[in-house]
C-alpha atoms as a PDB file:
ATOM      1  CA  ARG A   1       8.031  -2.607  12.636  1.00  0.00           C
ATOM      2  CA  ASP A   2       7.214  -2.909  15.620  1.00  0.00           C
ATOM      3  CA  PHE A   3       3.552  -2.591  14.392  1.00  0.00           C
ATOM      4  CA  ALA A   4       4.484  -6.286  12.128  1.00  0.00           C
ATOM      5  CA  LEU A   5       4.395  -7.707  15.824  1.00  0.00           C
ATOM      6  CA  GLU A   6       0.755  -7.085  17.101  1.00  0.00           C
ATOM      7  CA  LEU A   7      -0.598  -8.161  14.679  1.00  0.00           C
ATOM      8  CA  GLY A   8      -0.105 -11.558  15.212  1.00  0.00           C
ATOM      9  CA  ALA A   9      -1.809 -13.208  12.861  1.00  0.00           C
ATOM     10  CA  VAL A  10      -3.199 -11.306  10.709  1.00  0.00           C
ATOM     11  CA  PRO A  11      -1.575 -11.838   7.267  1.00  0.00           C
ATOM     12  CA  HIS A  12      -0.216  -9.023   6.768  1.00  0.00           C
ATOM     13  CA  GLU A  13       3.278  -8.372   3.959  1.00  0.00           C
ATOM     14  CA  ILE A  14       6.195  -5.471   5.380  1.00  0.00           C
ATOM     15  CA  CYS A  15       5.870  -3.491   1.333  1.00  0.00           C
ATOM     16  CA  GLU A  16       9.427  -0.245   2.016  1.00  0.00           C
ATOM     17  CA  THR A  17       7.808   1.808  -0.508  1.00  0.00           C
ATOM     18  CA  MET A  18       4.324   2.608  -2.852  1.00  0.00           C
ATOM     19  CA  GLU A  19       6.058   1.184  -5.711  1.00  0.00           C
ATOM     20  CA  ARG A  20       6.094  -2.580  -4.476  1.00  0.00           C
ATOM     21  CA  ALA A  21       2.985  -2.111  -1.701  1.00  0.00           C
ATOM     22  CA  VAL A  22       0.110  -1.200  -5.157  1.00  0.00           C
ATOM     23  CA  LYS A  23       2.430  -4.207  -6.635  1.00  0.00           C
ATOM     24  CA  ARG A  24       1.851  -6.729  -4.110  1.00  0.00           C
ATOM     25  CA  ALA A  25      -1.765  -6.169  -3.995  1.00  0.00           C
ATOM     26  CA  ALA A  26      -1.976  -6.401  -7.916  1.00  0.00           C
ATOM     27  CA  GLU A  27      -0.460 -10.122  -7.353  1.00  0.00           C
ATOM     28  CA  GLU A  28      -2.913 -11.183  -4.216  1.00  0.00           C
ATOM     29  CA  ALA A  29      -6.158  -9.375  -4.797  1.00  0.00           C
ATOM     30  CA  GLU A  30      -8.907 -11.023  -7.333  1.00  0.00           C
ATOM     31  CA  ALA A  31     -10.587 -10.132  -9.668  1.00  0.00           C
ATOM     32  CA  GLY A  32     -13.682  -7.482  -8.196  1.00  0.00           C
ATOM     33  CA  GLU A  33     -11.500  -7.083  -4.935  1.00  0.00           C
ATOM     34  CA  VAL A  34     -11.582  -3.725  -3.146  1.00  0.00           C
ATOM     35  CA  VAL A  35      -7.913  -2.776  -2.555  1.00  0.00           C
ATOM     36  CA  LEU A  36      -7.651  -0.886   0.646  1.00  0.00           C
ATOM     37  CA  LEU A  37      -4.610   1.912   1.521  1.00  0.00           C
ATOM     38  CA  ALA A  38      -3.913   1.905   5.532  1.00  0.00           C
ATOM     39  CA  PRO A  39      -0.277   2.735   6.000  1.00  0.00           C
ATOM     40  CA  ALA A  40       0.206   1.596   9.607  1.00  0.00           C
ATOM     41  CA  ALA A  41       2.498   4.439  10.143  1.00  0.00           C
ATOM     42  CA  ALA A  42       3.219   8.152   9.081  1.00  0.00           C
ATOM     43  CA  SER A  43       5.968   7.624   5.469  1.00  0.00           C
ATOM     44  CA  PHE A  44       7.628  10.844   6.495  1.00  0.00           C
ATOM     45  CA  ASP A  45      10.724  10.156   4.816  1.00  0.00           C
ATOM     46  CA  GLN A  46       9.444   8.998   1.258  1.00  0.00           C
ATOM     47  CA  TYR A  47       5.710  12.296   0.986  1.00  0.00           C
ATOM     48  CA  PRO A  48       5.858  15.427   2.668  1.00  0.00           C
ATOM     49  CA  ASN A  49       1.981  14.592   3.647  1.00  0.00           C
ATOM     50  CA  PHE A  50      -1.051  12.434   4.195  1.00  0.00           C
ATOM     51  CA  GLU A  51      -2.311  14.040   0.012  1.00  0.00           C
ATOM     52  CA  LYS A  52       1.022  13.139  -1.888  1.00  0.00           C
ATOM     53  CA  ARG A  53       0.871   9.444  -0.402  1.00  0.00           C
ATOM     54  CA  GLY A  54      -2.911   9.254  -1.555  1.00  0.00           C
ATOM     55  CA  GLU A  55      -2.330  10.828  -4.465  1.00  0.00           C
ATOM     56  CA  ASP A  56       1.082   8.426  -5.310  1.00  0.00           C
ATOM     57  CA  PHE A  57      -1.356   5.455  -4.292  1.00  0.00           C
ATOM     58  CA  VAL A  58      -4.587   6.969  -7.011  1.00  0.00           C
ATOM     59  CA  GLU A  59      -1.537   7.151 -10.021  1.00  0.00           C
ATOM     60  CA  ARG A  60      -0.054   3.831  -9.522  1.00  0.00           C
ATOM     61  CA  VAL A  61      -3.365   2.090  -9.236  1.00  0.00           C
ATOM     62  CA  GLN A  62      -5.047   3.577 -12.471  1.00  0.00           C
ATOM     63  CA  ALA A  63      -1.466   3.574 -14.424  1.00  0.00           C
ATOM     64  CA  LEU A  64      -1.786  -0.549 -13.096  1.00  0.00           C
ATOM     65  CA  ILE A  65      -5.680  -0.291 -14.430  1.00  0.00           C
ATOM     66  CA  LYS A  66      -4.723   0.856 -17.644  1.00  0.00           C
ATOM     67  CA  SER A  67      -1.472  -1.463 -18.932  1.00  0.00           C
END
């Protein structure tokens, strides 16, 4: 949350889970836009490493595309 303060006027949203982040990105993105996973901090409380976090992102996006 301290990092969010540094962003100032840069539009951003804090999402506590990957599920929520992907859902919000899907709601906000328009057709043809790119959604980039760019976490501002580690997430060791949710994932053992960055590879697992990335895999979760890909799996959730793929599931969203299929639905």
